[in-house]
Amino acid sequence: MPVIGGGMSRMSSIVPTQDSLRFTILSFMFASRKNLVCSELRIVMRPEDYEKLDRLELQSFLTSLKPS
């Protein structure tokens, strides 16, 4: 799934890429609890958006979603 809605729509000042990515992940996770959506979520980003991500924070977010 591509991360969309930031560039040309000028939404990046309202919903930064990092937050958009988190919303996508959470939406997938919650939808998958009800019914299996697909076997994996693959996110595609433009290289310049990827470079701007706080990848350590994103890893921490993903780790916090794992069941204990």
PDB file of N, CA and C in Angstrom:
ATOM      1  N   MET A   1       0.846  -1.165   0.000  1.00  0.00           N
ATOM      2  CA  MET A   1       0.000   0.000   0.000  1.00  0.00           C
ATOM      3  C   MET A   1       0.894   1.229   0.000  1.00  0.00           C
ATOM      4  N   PRO A   2       0.667   2.168  -0.898  1.00  0.00           N
ATOM      5  CA  PRO A   2       1.481   3.383  -0.896  1.00  0.00           C
ATOM      6  C   PRO A   2       1.012   4.344   0.193  1.00  0.00           C
ATOM      7  N   VAL A   3       1.953   5.078   0.745  1.00  0.00           N
ATOM      8  CA  VAL A   3       1.598   6.151   1.676  1.00  0.00           C
ATOM      9  C   VAL A   3       1.196   7.326   0.803  1.00  0.00           C
ATOM     10  N   ILE A   4      -0.084   7.691   0.854  1.00  0.00           N
ATOM     11  CA  ILE A   4      -0.603   8.723  -0.037  1.00  0.00           C
ATOM     12  C   ILE A   4      -1.205   9.872   0.761  1.00  0.00           C
ATOM     13  N   GLY A   5      -1.449  10.961   0.066  1.00  0.00           N
ATOM     14  CA  GLY A   5      -2.177  12.061   0.670  1.00  0.00           C
ATOM     15  C   GLY A   5      -1.325  13.164   1.251  1.00  0.00           C
ATOM     16  N   GLY A   6      -0.029  13.047   1.199  1.00  0.00           N
ATOM     17  CA  GLY A   6       0.803  14.068   1.803  1.00  0.00           C
ATOM     18  C   GLY A   6       1.260  15.155   0.861  1.00  0.00           C
ATOM     19  N   GLY A   7       1.780  14.782  -0.272  1.00  0.00           N
ATOM     20  CA  GLY A   7       2.437  15.734  -1.153  1.00  0.00           C
ATOM     21  C   GLY A   7       1.525  16.691  -1.888  1.00  0.00           C
ATOM     22  N   MET A   8       0.915  16.236  -2.952  1.00  0.00           N
ATOM     23  CA  MET A   8       0.122  17.106  -3.812  1.00  0.00           C
ATOM     24  C   MET A   8      -1.134  17.627  -3.122  1.00  0.00           C
ATOM     25  N   SER A   9      -1.656  16.910  -2.157  1.00  0.00           N
ATOM     26  CA  SER A   9      -2.870  17.355  -1.475  1.00  0.00           C
ATOM     27  C   SER A   9      -2.560  18.367  -0.375  1.00  0.00           C
ATOM     28  N   ARG A  10      -1.291  18.561  -0.109  1.00  0.00           N
ATOM     29  CA  ARG A  10      -0.827  19.484   0.934  1.00  0.00           C
ATOM     30  C   ARG A  10      -1.327  19.091   2.321  1.00  0.00           C
ATOM     31  N   MET A  11      -1.524  17.802   2.523  1.00  0.00           N
ATOM     32  CA  MET A  11      -1.968  17.298   3.824  1.00  0.00           C
ATOM     33  C   MET A  11      -0.793  17.076   4.773  1.00  0.00           C
ATOM     34  N   SER A  12       0.442  17.102   4.257  1.00  0.00           N
ATOM     35  CA  SER A  12       1.594  16.782   5.096  1.00  0.00           C
ATOM     36  C   SER A  12       1.763  17.762   6.252  1.00  0.00           C
ATOM     37  N   SER A  13       1.270  18.984   6.124  1.00  0.00           N
ATOM     38  CA  SER A  13       1.365  19.916   7.243  1.00  0.00           C
ATOM     39  C   SER A  13       0.312  19.612   8.303  1.00  0.00           C
ATOM     40  N   ILE A  14      -0.753  18.923   7.929  1.00  0.00           N
ATOM     41  CA  ILE A  14      -1.827  18.575   8.860  1.00  0.00           C
ATOM     42  C   ILE A  14      -1.601  17.172   9.424  1.00  0.00           C
ATOM     43  N   VAL A  15      -1.332  16.229   8.546  1.00  0.00           N
ATOM     44  CA  VAL A  15      -1.066  14.843   8.950  1.00  0.00           C
ATOM     45  C   VAL A  15       0.305  14.454   8.400  1.00  0.00           C
ATOM     46  N   PRO A  16       1.345  14.561   9.238  1.00  0.00           N
ATOM     47  CA  PRO A  16       2.688  14.199   8.769  1.00  0.00           C
ATOM     48  C   PRO A  16       2.760  12.742   8.318  1.00  0.00           C
ATOM     49  N   THR A  17       3.733  12.436   7.491  1.00  0.00           N
ATOM     50  CA  THR A  17       3.911  11.090   6.953  1.00  0.00           C
ATOM     51  C   THR A  17       3.986  10.056   8.068  1.00  0.00           C
ATOM     52  N   GLN A  18       4.709  10.364   9.136  1.00  0.00           N
ATOM     53  CA  GLN A  18       4.854   9.429  10.255  1.00  0.00           C
ATOM     54  C   GLN A  18       3.485   9.072  10.832  1.00  0.00           C
ATOM     55  N   ASP A  19       2.626  10.055  11.005  1.00  0.00           N
ATOM     56  CA  ASP A  19       1.291   9.804  11.550  1.00  0.00           C
ATOM     57  C   ASP A  19       0.417   9.059  10.549  1.00  0.00           C
ATOM     58  N   SER A  20       0.523   9.419   9.287  1.00  0.00           N
ATOM     59  CA  SER A  20      -0.234   8.728   8.245  1.00  0.00           C
ATOM     60  C   SER A  20       0.135   7.243   8.220  1.00  0.00           C
ATOM     61  N   LEU A  21       1.400   6.972   8.374  1.00  0.00           N
ATOM     62  CA  LEU A  21       1.886   5.597   8.404  1.00  0.00           C
ATOM     63  C   LEU A  21       1.324   4.850   9.612  1.00  0.00           C
ATOM     64  N   ARG A  22       1.333   5.484  10.782  1.00  0.00           N
ATOM     65  CA  ARG A  22       0.774   4.863  11.982  1.00  0.00           C
ATOM     66  C   ARG A  22      -0.713   4.570  11.812  1.00  0.00           C
ATOM     67  N   PHE A  23      -1.462   5.521  11.244  1.00  0.00           N
ATOM     68  CA  PHE A  23      -2.899   5.312  11.016  1.00  0.00           C
ATOM     69  C   PHE A  23      -3.139   4.131  10.090  1.00  0.00           C
ATOM     70  N   THR A  24      -2.326   4.017   9.056  1.00  0.00           N
ATOM     71  CA  THR A  24      -2.459   2.904   8.108  1.00  0.00           C
ATOM     72  C   THR A  24      -2.218   1.572   8.808  1.00  0.00           C
ATOM     73  N   ILE A  25      -1.166   1.515   9.607  1.00  0.00           N
ATOM     74  CA  ILE A  25      -0.820   0.279  10.318  1.00  0.00           C
ATOM     75  C   ILE A  25      -1.924  -0.105  11.298  1.00  0.00           C
ATOM     76  N   LEU A  26      -2.400   0.878  12.068  1.00  0.00           N
ATOM     77  CA  LEU A  26      -3.461   0.595  13.033  1.00  0.00           C
ATOM     78  C   LEU A  26      -4.754   0.170  12.345  1.00  0.00           C
ATOM     79  N   SER A  27      -5.092   0.821  11.242  1.00  0.00           N
ATOM     80  CA  SER A  27      -6.301   0.454  10.495  1.00  0.00           C
ATOM     81  C   SER A  27      -6.221  -0.985  10.007  1.00  0.00           C
ATOM     82  N   PHE A  28      -5.067  -1.354   9.473  1.00  0.00           N
ATOM     83  CA  PHE A  28      -4.853  -2.721   9.002  1.00  0.00           C
ATOM     84  C   PHE A  28      -4.990  -3.714  10.158  1.00  0.00           C
ATOM     85  N   MET A  29      -4.367  -3.366  11.270  1.00  0.00           N
ATOM     86  CA  MET A  29      -4.392  -4.239  12.427  1.00  0.00           C
ATOM     87  C   MET A  29      -5.821  -4.442  12.952  1.00  0.00           C
ATOM     88  N   PHE A  30      -6.566  -3.347  13.105  1.00  0.00           N
ATOM     89  CA  PHE A  30      -7.934  -3.456  13.621  1.00  0.00           C
ATOM     90  C   PHE A  30      -8.857  -4.170  12.637  1.00  0.00           C
ATOM     91  N   ALA A  31      -8.698  -3.914  11.349  1.00  0.00           N
ATOM     92  CA  ALA A  31      -9.516  -4.604  10.348  1.00  0.00           C
ATOM     93  C   ALA A  31      -9.202  -6.097  10.333  1.00  0.00           C
ATOM     94  N   SER A  32      -7.945  -6.442  10.544  1.00  0.00           N
ATOM     95  CA  SER A  32      -7.534  -7.846  10.530  1.00  0.00           C
ATOM     96  C   SER A  32      -8.041  -8.606  11.740  1.00  0.00           C
ATOM     97  N   ARG A  33      -8.354  -7.908  12.807  1.00  0.00           N
ATOM     98  CA  ARG A  33      -8.900  -8.592  13.989  1.00  0.00           C
ATOM     99  C   ARG A  33     -10.292  -9.132  13.708  1.00  0.00           C
ATOM    100  N   LYS A  34     -11.039  -8.426  12.874  1.00  0.00           N
ATOM    101  CA  LYS A  34     -12.401  -8.844  12.545  1.00  0.00           C
ATOM    102  C   LYS A  34     -12.383  -9.964  11.504  1.00  0.00           C
ATOM    103  N   ASN A  35     -11.701  -9.735  10.400  1.00  0.00           N
ATOM    104  CA  ASN A  35     -11.537 -10.721   9.322  1.00  0.00           C
ATOM    105  C   ASN A  35     -10.134 -10.569   8.756  1.00  0.00           C
ATOM    106  N   LEU A  36      -9.581 -11.665   8.284  1.00  0.00           N
ATOM    107  CA  LEU A  36      -8.268 -11.601   7.670  1.00  0.00           C
ATOM    108  C   LEU A  36      -8.348 -10.749   6.402  1.00  0.00           C
ATOM    109  N   VAL A  37      -7.592  -9.673   6.367  1.00  0.00           N
ATOM    110  CA  VAL A  37      -7.584  -8.782   5.208  1.00  0.00           C
ATOM    111  C   VAL A  37      -6.644  -9.341   4.148  1.00  0.00           C
ATOM    112  N   CYS A  38      -5.437  -9.638   4.553  1.00  0.00           N
ATOM    113  CA  CYS A  38      -4.442 -10.291   3.692  1.00  0.00           C
ATOM    114  C   CYS A  38      -3.330 -10.808   4.596  1.00  0.00           C
ATOM    115  N   SER A  39      -2.388 -11.528   4.029  1.00  0.00           N
ATOM    116  CA  SER A  39      -1.363 -12.162   4.858  1.00  0.00           C
ATOM    117  C   SER A  39      -0.262 -11.208   5.305  1.00  0.00           C
ATOM    118  N   GLU A  40      -0.100 -10.088   4.632  1.00  0.00           N
ATOM    119  CA  GLU A  40       0.924  -9.116   5.033  1.00  0.00           C
ATOM    120  C   GLU A  40       0.536  -7.722   4.573  1.00  0.00           C
ATOM    121  N   LEU A  41       1.120  -6.742   5.234  1.00  0.00           N
ATOM    122  CA  LEU A  41       0.948  -5.344   4.850  1.00  0.00           C
ATOM    123  C   LEU A  41       2.295  -4.856   4.362  1.00  0.00           C
ATOM    124  N   ARG A  42       2.363  -4.477   3.113  1.00  0.00           N
ATOM    125  CA  ARG A  42       3.600  -3.949   2.538  1.00  0.00           C
ATOM    126  C   ARG A  42       3.352  -2.487   2.201  1.00  0.00           C
ATOM    127  N   ILE A  43       4.164  -1.615   2.775  1.00  0.00           N
ATOM    128  CA  ILE A  43       3.990  -0.179   2.589  1.00  0.00           C
ATOM    129  C   ILE A  43       5.096   0.331   1.677  1.00  0.00           C
ATOM    130  N   VAL A  44       4.705   1.129   0.682  1.00  0.00           N
ATOM    131  CA  VAL A  44       5.635   1.676  -0.289  1.00  0.00           C
ATOM    132  C   VAL A  44       5.699   3.192  -0.100  1.00  0.00           C
ATOM    133  N   MET A  45       6.923   3.717  -0.023  1.00  0.00           N
ATOM    134  CA  MET A  45       7.105   5.153   0.189  1.00  0.00           C
ATOM    135  C   MET A  45       8.100   5.710  -0.816  1.00  0.00           C
ATOM    136  N   ARG A  46       7.959   6.984  -1.078  1.00  0.00           N
ATOM    137  CA  ARG A  46       8.967   7.665  -1.880  1.00  0.00           C
ATOM    138  C   ARG A  46      10.246   7.757  -1.053  1.00  0.00           C
ATOM    139  N   PRO A  47      11.412   7.627  -1.668  1.00  0.00           N
ATOM    140  CA  PRO A  47      12.674   7.674  -0.914  1.00  0.00           C
ATOM    141  C   PRO A  47      12.818   8.937  -0.059  1.00  0.00           C
ATOM    142  N   GLU A  48      12.376  10.077  -0.567  1.00  0.00           N
ATOM    143  CA  GLU A  48      12.514  11.315   0.213  1.00  0.00           C
ATOM    144  C   GLU A  48      11.615  11.316   1.453  1.00  0.00           C
ATOM    145  N   ASP A  49      10.470  10.639   1.379  1.00  0.00           N
ATOM    146  CA  ASP A  49       9.615  10.510   2.565  1.00  0.00           C
ATOM    147  C   ASP A  49      10.224   9.530   3.564  1.00  0.00           C
ATOM    148  N   TYR A  50      10.804   8.458   3.047  1.00  0.00           N
ATOM    149  CA  TYR A  50      11.444   7.463   3.912  1.00  0.00           C
ATOM    150  C   TYR A  50      12.586   8.089   4.699  1.00  0.00           C
ATOM    151  N   GLU A  51      13.369   8.924   4.049  1.00  0.00           N
ATOM    152  CA  GLU A  51      14.509   9.569   4.708  1.00  0.00           C
ATOM    153  C   GLU A  51      14.070  10.486   5.841  1.00  0.00           C
ATOM    154  N   LYS A  52      12.877  11.052   5.754  1.00  0.00           N
ATOM    155  CA  LYS A  52      12.374  11.977   6.775  1.00  0.00           C
ATOM    156  C   LYS A  52      11.791  11.255   7.989  1.00  0.00           C
ATOM    157  N   LEU A  53      11.529   9.952   7.861  1.00  0.00           N
ATOM    158  CA  LEU A  53      10.926   9.198   8.966  1.00  0.00           C
ATOM    159  C   LEU A  53      11.876   9.060  10.140  1.00  0.00           C
ATOM    160  N   ASP A  54      11.328   9.102  11.333  1.00  0.00           N
ATOM    161  CA  ASP A  54      12.071   8.735  12.529  1.00  0.00           C
ATOM    162  C   ASP A  54      11.916   7.224  12.664  1.00  0.00           C
ATOM    163  N   ARG A  55      12.843   6.502  12.057  1.00  0.00           N
ATOM    164  CA  ARG A  55      12.710   5.053  11.978  1.00  0.00           C
ATOM    165  C   ARG A  55      12.842   4.363  13.336  1.00  0.00           C
ATOM    166  N   LEU A  56      13.604   4.936  14.239  1.00  0.00           N
ATOM    167  CA  LEU A  56      13.696   4.359  15.584  1.00  0.00           C
ATOM    168  C   LEU A  56      12.365   4.482  16.318  1.00  0.00           C
ATOM    169  N   GLU A  57      11.718   5.622  16.173  1.00  0.00           N
ATOM    170  CA  GLU A  57      10.419   5.820  16.796  1.00  0.00           C
ATOM    171  C   GLU A  57       9.396   4.892  16.169  1.00  0.00           C
ATOM    172  N   LEU A  58       9.453   4.728  14.855  1.00  0.00           N
ATOM    173  CA  LEU A  58       8.528   3.835  14.160  1.00  0.00           C
ATOM    174  C   LEU A  58       8.743   2.381  14.603  1.00  0.00           C
ATOM    175  N   GLN A  59       9.989   1.974  14.765  1.00  0.00           N
ATOM    176  CA  GLN A  59      10.277   0.623  15.250  1.00  0.00           C
ATOM    177  C   GLN A  59       9.731   0.435  16.659  1.00  0.00           C
ATOM    178  N   SER A  60       9.880   1.445  17.481  1.00  0.00           N
ATOM    179  CA  SER A  60       9.339   1.389  18.838  1.00  0.00           C
ATOM    180  C   SER A  60       7.815   1.250  18.811  1.00  0.00           C
ATOM    181  N   PHE A  61       7.167   1.992  17.927  1.00  0.00           N
ATOM    182  CA  PHE A  61       5.716   1.900  17.762  1.00  0.00           C
ATOM    183  C   PHE A  61       5.311   0.487  17.353  1.00  0.00           C
ATOM    184  N   LEU A  62       5.993  -0.079  16.362  1.00  0.00           N
ATOM    185  CA  LEU A  62       5.670  -1.426  15.893  1.00  0.00           C
ATOM    186  C   LEU A  62       5.904  -2.461  16.991  1.00  0.00           C
ATOM    187  N   THR A  63       6.975  -2.306  17.751  1.00  0.00           N
ATOM    188  CA  THR A  63       7.270  -3.225  18.842  1.00  0.00           C
ATOM    189  C   THR A  63       6.180  -3.155  19.914  1.00  0.00           C
ATOM    190  N   SER A  64       5.657  -1.974  20.147  1.00  0.00           N
ATOM    191  CA  SER A  64       4.616  -1.819  21.168  1.00  0.00           C
ATOM    192  C   SER A  64       3.307  -2.516  20.761  1.00  0.00           C
ATOM    193  N   LEU A  65       3.137  -2.812  19.485  1.00  0.00           N
ATOM    194  CA  LEU A  65       1.921  -3.463  19.001  1.00  0.00           C
ATOM    195  C   LEU A  65       1.966  -4.984  19.145  1.00  0.00           C
ATOM    196  N   LYS A  66       3.138  -5.538  19.400  1.00  0.00           N
ATOM    197  CA  LYS A  66       3.262  -6.990  19.536  1.00  0.00           C
ATOM    198  C   LYS A  66       2.542  -7.441  20.804  1.00  0.00           C
ATOM    199  N   PRO A  67       1.866  -8.572  20.723  1.00  0.00           N
ATOM    200  CA  PRO A  67       1.213  -9.083  21.936  1.00  0.00           C
ATOM    201  C   PRO A  67       2.258  -9.461  22.985  1.00  0.00           C
ATOM    202  N   SER A  68       1.942  -9.236  24.233  1.00  0.00           N
ATOM    203  CA  SER A  68       2.910  -9.561  25.301  1.00  0.00           C
ATOM    204  C   SER A  68       2.771 -10.981  25.787  1.00  0.00           C
TER     205      SER A  68
END
